[in-house]
Amino acid sequence: MAAQLSSAQTTKVVGILNHILELELAGLVRYLHYSFMIFGHNRIPIVSWLRGQADESQAHAIQAGEHITNLGGHPSLRIGGLLETHKHNVDEILREALTHEREGLAEYRKLLIAVSGRSIMLEEYARTQIAAEEAHVADIDKMLRRPGSIT
């Protein structure tokens, strides 16, 4: 796989993967934090969904780290940006999550462009992650809609 990427391309791809790793680690922390801050009669299903997102972020971070080391790179120890807005109602949390998911989606798209025609394994990884992130964006968008909003 690494033979299909030049040294400069490998460096670029490792950089993108490290940013993805940092974003996914931030997602893990972010979604766990959000799950602690949910109160009210709908708490249980919302907390369950948020913790599922945290688990998925961890799995995505592991995948990114494995790809980094496959390419001979060094996985970052940094965590992506974590902004504490102190806004903890569900709609505000979902809007923050939507922003986070869109940022991750943009990075996976950068990765796809960087590896297209050079590594089928990384192309498939990027495509799978793009599909997952697009699904998350769609789910969050639906959760932000009000019942009866479809005419």
C-alpha atoms as a PDB file:
ATOM      1  CA  MET A   1       0.000   0.000   0.000  1.00  0.00           C
ATOM      2  CA  ALA A   2       2.637   2.556   0.979  1.00  0.00           C
ATOM      3  CA  ALA A   3       4.504   1.811  -2.273  1.00  0.00           C
ATOM      4  CA  GLN A   4       1.618   3.381  -4.226  1.00  0.00           C
ATOM      5  CA  LEU A   5       2.060   6.665  -2.373  1.00  0.00           C
ATOM      6  CA  SER A   6       5.169   8.776  -2.820  1.00  0.00           C
ATOM      7  CA  SER A   7       6.982   9.939   0.275  1.00  0.00           C
ATOM      8  CA  ALA A   8       5.372  13.383  -0.005  1.00  0.00           C
ATOM      9  CA  GLN A   9       1.925  11.838  -0.523  1.00  0.00           C
ATOM     10  CA  THR A  10       2.429   9.550   2.463  1.00  0.00           C
ATOM     11  CA  THR A  11       3.372  12.531   4.626  1.00  0.00           C
ATOM     12  CA  LYS A  12       0.243  14.373   3.480  1.00  0.00           C
ATOM     13  CA  VAL A  13      -2.009  11.355   4.078  1.00  0.00           C
ATOM     14  CA  VAL A  14      -0.533  10.750   7.534  1.00  0.00           C
ATOM     15  CA  GLY A  15      -1.217  14.412   8.334  1.00  0.00           C
ATOM     16  CA  ILE A  16      -4.850  14.079   7.278  1.00  0.00           C
ATOM     17  CA  LEU A  17      -5.205  10.817   9.202  1.00  0.00           C
ATOM     18  CA  ASN A  18      -3.712  12.437  12.304  1.00  0.00           C
ATOM     19  CA  HIS A  19      -6.238  15.258  12.067  1.00  0.00           C
ATOM     20  CA  ILE A  20      -8.989  12.641  11.724  1.00  0.00           C
ATOM     21  CA  LEU A  21      -7.591  10.813  14.760  1.00  0.00           C
ATOM     22  CA  GLU A  22      -7.642  14.039  16.775  1.00  0.00           C
ATOM     23  CA  LEU A  23     -11.223  14.811  15.678  1.00  0.00           C
ATOM     24  CA  GLU A  24     -12.422  11.317  16.543  1.00  0.00           C
ATOM     25  CA  LEU A  25     -10.787  11.498  19.978  1.00  0.00           C
ATOM     26  CA  ALA A  26     -12.465  14.874  20.487  1.00  0.00           C
ATOM     27  CA  GLY A  27     -15.739  13.253  19.454  1.00  0.00           C
ATOM     28  CA  LEU A  28     -15.276  10.578  22.097  1.00  0.00           C
ATOM     29  CA  VAL A  29     -14.750  13.190  24.810  1.00  0.00           C
ATOM     30  CA  ARG A  30     -17.455  15.494  23.451  1.00  0.00           C
ATOM     31  CA  TYR A  31     -20.167  12.836  23.233  1.00  0.00           C
ATOM     32  CA  LEU A  32     -19.363  11.446  26.694  1.00  0.00           C
ATOM     33  CA  HIS A  33     -19.516  14.951  28.163  1.00  0.00           C
ATOM     34  CA  TYR A  34     -22.821  15.607  26.443  1.00  0.00           C
ATOM     35  CA  SER A  35     -24.211  12.336  27.828  1.00  0.00           C
ATOM     36  CA  PHE A  36     -23.467  13.481  31.374  1.00  0.00           C
ATOM     37  CA  MET A  37     -25.312  16.759  30.834  1.00  0.00           C
ATOM     38  CA  ILE A  38     -28.690  15.414  29.675  1.00  0.00           C
ATOM     39  CA  PHE A  39     -31.552  15.791  32.117  1.00  0.00           C
ATOM     40  CA  GLY A  40     -35.288  15.380  31.889  1.00  0.00           C
ATOM     41  CA  HIS A  41     -37.809  12.712  31.003  1.00  0.00           C
ATOM     42  CA  ASN A  42     -36.164  11.875  27.642  1.00  0.00           C
ATOM     43  CA  ARG A  43     -32.734  11.362  29.222  1.00  0.00           C
ATOM     44  CA  ILE A  44     -32.360   7.599  28.782  1.00  0.00           C
ATOM     45  CA  PRO A  45     -32.673   7.318  24.965  1.00  0.00           C
ATOM     46  CA  ILE A  46     -30.650  10.494  24.381  1.00  0.00           C
ATOM     47  CA  VAL A  47     -27.838   9.383  26.698  1.00  0.00           C
ATOM     48  CA  SER A  48     -27.836   5.971  25.009  1.00  0.00           C
ATOM     49  CA  TRP A  49     -27.501   7.590  21.564  1.00  0.00           C
ATOM     50  CA  LEU A  50     -24.724   9.934  22.731  1.00  0.00           C
ATOM     51  CA  ARG A  51     -22.742   7.102  24.321  1.00  0.00           C
ATOM     52  CA  GLY A  52     -23.158   5.066  21.151  1.00  0.00           C
ATOM     53  CA  GLN A  53     -21.643   7.993  19.257  1.00  0.00           C
ATOM     54  CA  ALA A  54     -18.771   8.072  21.766  1.00  0.00           C
ATOM     55  CA  ASP A  55     -18.144   4.348  21.202  1.00  0.00           C
ATOM     56  CA  GLU A  56     -18.193   4.882  17.450  1.00  0.00           C
ATOM     57  CA  SER A  57     -15.748   7.796  17.741  1.00  0.00           C
ATOM     58  CA  GLN A  58     -13.390   5.541  19.686  1.00  0.00           C
ATOM     59  CA  ALA A  59     -13.639   2.838  17.007  1.00  0.00           C
ATOM     60  CA  HIS A  60     -12.973   5.429  14.285  1.00  0.00           C
ATOM     61  CA  ALA A  61      -9.963   6.758  16.208  1.00  0.00           C
ATOM     62  CA  ILE A  62      -8.557   3.235  16.416  1.00  0.00           C
ATOM     63  CA  GLN A  63      -8.972   2.753  12.662  1.00  0.00           C
ATOM     64  CA  ALA A  64      -7.252   6.057  11.902  1.00  0.00           C
ATOM     65  CA  GLY A  65      -4.371   5.201  14.237  1.00  0.00           C
ATOM     66  CA  GLU A  66      -3.913   1.807  12.606  1.00  0.00           C
ATOM     67  CA  HIS A  67      -3.799   3.366   9.150  1.00  0.00           C
ATOM     68  CA  ILE A  68      -1.235   5.911  10.366  1.00  0.00           C
ATOM     69  CA  THR A  69       1.077   3.195  11.655  1.00  0.00           C
ATOM     70  CA  ASN A  70       0.502   1.086   8.514  1.00  0.00           C
ATOM     71  CA  LEU A  71       1.984   4.015   6.596  1.00  0.00           C
ATOM     72  CA  GLY A  72       4.947   4.253   8.972  1.00  0.00           C
ATOM     73  CA  GLY A  73       3.588   7.368  10.658  1.00  0.00           C
ATOM     74  CA  HIS A  74       3.308   8.316  14.309  1.00  0.00           C
ATOM     75  CA  PRO A  75      -0.226   8.723  15.702  1.00  0.00           C
ATOM     76  CA  SER A  76      -0.893  12.081  17.308  1.00  0.00           C
ATOM     77  CA  LEU A  77      -1.441  12.329  21.047  1.00  0.00           C
ATOM     78  CA  ARG A  78      -3.456  15.511  20.628  1.00  0.00           C
ATOM     79  CA  ILE A  79      -7.200  15.772  20.901  1.00  0.00           C
ATOM     80  CA  GLY A  80      -9.113  18.022  18.520  1.00  0.00           C
ATOM     81  CA  GLY A  81     -10.721  21.232  19.710  1.00  0.00           C
ATOM     82  CA  LEU A  82     -13.070  20.984  22.638  1.00  0.00           C
ATOM     83  CA  LEU A  83     -15.076  24.108  23.237  1.00  0.00           C
ATOM     84  CA  GLU A  84     -17.117  24.189  26.420  1.00  0.00           C
ATOM     85  CA  THR A  85     -20.073  26.378  25.581  1.00  0.00           C
ATOM     86  CA  HIS A  86     -21.981  25.618  28.792  1.00  0.00           C
ATOM     87  CA  LYS A  87     -25.048  25.179  26.608  1.00  0.00           C
ATOM     88  CA  HIS A  88     -26.552  21.897  27.615  1.00  0.00           C
ATOM     89  CA  ASN A  89     -30.039  21.723  26.251  1.00  0.00           C
ATOM     90  CA  VAL A  90     -30.527  18.988  23.696  1.00  0.00           C
ATOM     91  CA  ASP A  91     -30.967  21.265  20.673  1.00  0.00           C
ATOM     92  CA  GLU A  92     -27.749  23.160  21.461  1.00  0.00           C
ATOM     93  CA  ILE A  93     -25.862  19.913  22.001  1.00  0.00           C
ATOM     94  CA  LEU A  94     -27.125  18.580  18.685  1.00  0.00           C
ATOM     95  CA  ARG A  95     -26.119  21.777  16.861  1.00  0.00           C
ATOM     96  CA  GLU A  96     -22.600  21.484  18.313  1.00  0.00           C
ATOM     97  CA  ALA A  97     -22.521  17.793  17.360  1.00  0.00           C
ATOM     98  CA  LEU A  98     -23.634  18.679  13.822  1.00  0.00           C
ATOM     99  CA  THR A  99     -20.755  21.140  13.467  1.00  0.00           C
ATOM    100  CA  HIS A 100     -18.337  18.486  14.745  1.00  0.00           C
ATOM    101  CA  GLU A 101     -19.671  15.826  12.361  1.00  0.00           C
ATOM    102  CA  ARG A 102     -19.414  18.172   9.384  1.00  0.00           C
ATOM    103  CA  GLU A 103     -15.785  18.913  10.247  1.00  0.00           C
ATOM    104  CA  GLY A 104     -15.028  15.190  10.334  1.00  0.00           C
ATOM    105  CA  LEU A 105     -16.849  14.677   7.040  1.00  0.00           C
ATOM    106  CA  ALA A 106     -14.689  17.351   5.408  1.00  0.00           C
ATOM    107  CA  GLU A 107     -11.503  15.621   6.611  1.00  0.00           C
ATOM    108  CA  TYR A 108     -12.605  12.223   5.317  1.00  0.00           C
ATOM    109  CA  ARG A 109     -13.342  13.849   1.951  1.00  0.00           C
ATOM    110  CA  LYS A 110      -9.814  15.357   1.954  1.00  0.00           C
ATOM    111  CA  LEU A 111      -8.459  11.895   2.630  1.00  0.00           C
ATOM    112  CA  LEU A 112     -10.428  10.408  -0.262  1.00  0.00           C
ATOM    113  CA  ILE A 113      -9.047  13.004  -2.647  1.00  0.00           C
ATOM    114  CA  ALA A 114      -5.489  12.420  -1.386  1.00  0.00           C
ATOM    115  CA  VAL A 115      -5.602   8.636  -1.847  1.00  0.00           C
ATOM    116  CA  SER A 116      -7.819   8.279  -4.930  1.00  0.00           C
ATOM    117  CA  GLY A 117      -6.143   6.004  -7.449  1.00  0.00           C
ATOM    118  CA  ARG A 118      -3.252   5.381  -5.077  1.00  0.00           C
ATOM    119  CA  SER A 119      -4.587   3.064  -2.371  1.00  0.00           C
ATOM    120  CA  ILE A 120      -7.762   1.026  -2.668  1.00  0.00           C
ATOM    121  CA  MET A 121      -7.658   0.173   1.036  1.00  0.00           C
ATOM    122  CA  LEU A 122      -7.526   3.841   2.054  1.00  0.00           C
ATOM    123  CA  GLU A 123     -10.068   4.805  -0.612  1.00  0.00           C
ATOM    124  CA  GLU A 124     -12.520   2.242   0.737  1.00  0.00           C
ATOM    125  CA  TYR A 125     -11.820   3.343   4.303  1.00  0.00           C
ATOM    126  CA  ALA A 126     -12.463   6.986   3.354  1.00  0.00           C
ATOM    127  CA  ARG A 127     -15.648   6.115   1.453  1.00  0.00           C
ATOM    128  CA  THR A 128     -16.983   4.032   4.343  1.00  0.00           C
ATOM    129  CA  GLN A 129     -16.262   6.825   6.814  1.00  0.00           C
ATOM    130  CA  ILE A 130     -17.815   9.436   4.524  1.00  0.00           C
ATOM    131  CA  ALA A 131     -20.985   7.337   4.330  1.00  0.00           C
ATOM    132  CA  ALA A 132     -21.042   6.968   8.128  1.00  0.00           C
ATOM    133  CA  GLU A 133     -20.487  10.694   8.695  1.00  0.00           C
ATOM    134  CA  GLU A 134     -23.150  11.614   6.130  1.00  0.00           C
ATOM    135  CA  ALA A 135     -25.562   9.320   7.980  1.00  0.00           C
ATOM    136  CA  HIS A 136     -24.700  11.036  11.276  1.00  0.00           C
ATOM    137  CA  VAL A 137     -25.293  14.473   9.757  1.00  0.00           C
ATOM    138  CA  ALA A 138     -28.653  13.299   8.380  1.00  0.00           C
ATOM    139  CA  ASP A 139     -29.661  11.781  11.737  1.00  0.00           C
ATOM    140  CA  ILE A 140     -28.757  14.902  13.670  1.00  0.00           C
ATOM    141  CA  ASP A 141     -30.560  17.064  11.128  1.00  0.00           C
ATOM    142  CA  LYS A 142     -33.693  14.958  11.605  1.00  0.00           C
ATOM    143  CA  MET A 143     -33.375  15.169  15.385  1.00  0.00           C
ATOM    144  CA  LEU A 144     -33.257  18.962  15.132  1.00  0.00           C
ATOM    145  CA  ARG A 145     -36.482  19.083  13.129  1.00  0.00           C
ATOM    146  CA  ARG A 146     -39.765  19.618  14.893  1.00  0.00           C
ATOM    147  CA  PRO A 147     -42.431  16.906  14.682  1.00  0.00           C
ATOM    148  CA  GLY A 148     -44.830  17.689  11.875  1.00  0.00           C
ATOM    149  CA  SER A 149     -42.273  19.739   9.954  1.00  0.00           C
ATOM    150  CA  ILE A 150     -42.708  17.644   6.811  1.00  0.00           C
ATOM    151  CA  THR A 151     -45.594  18.799   4.689  1.00  0.00           C
END
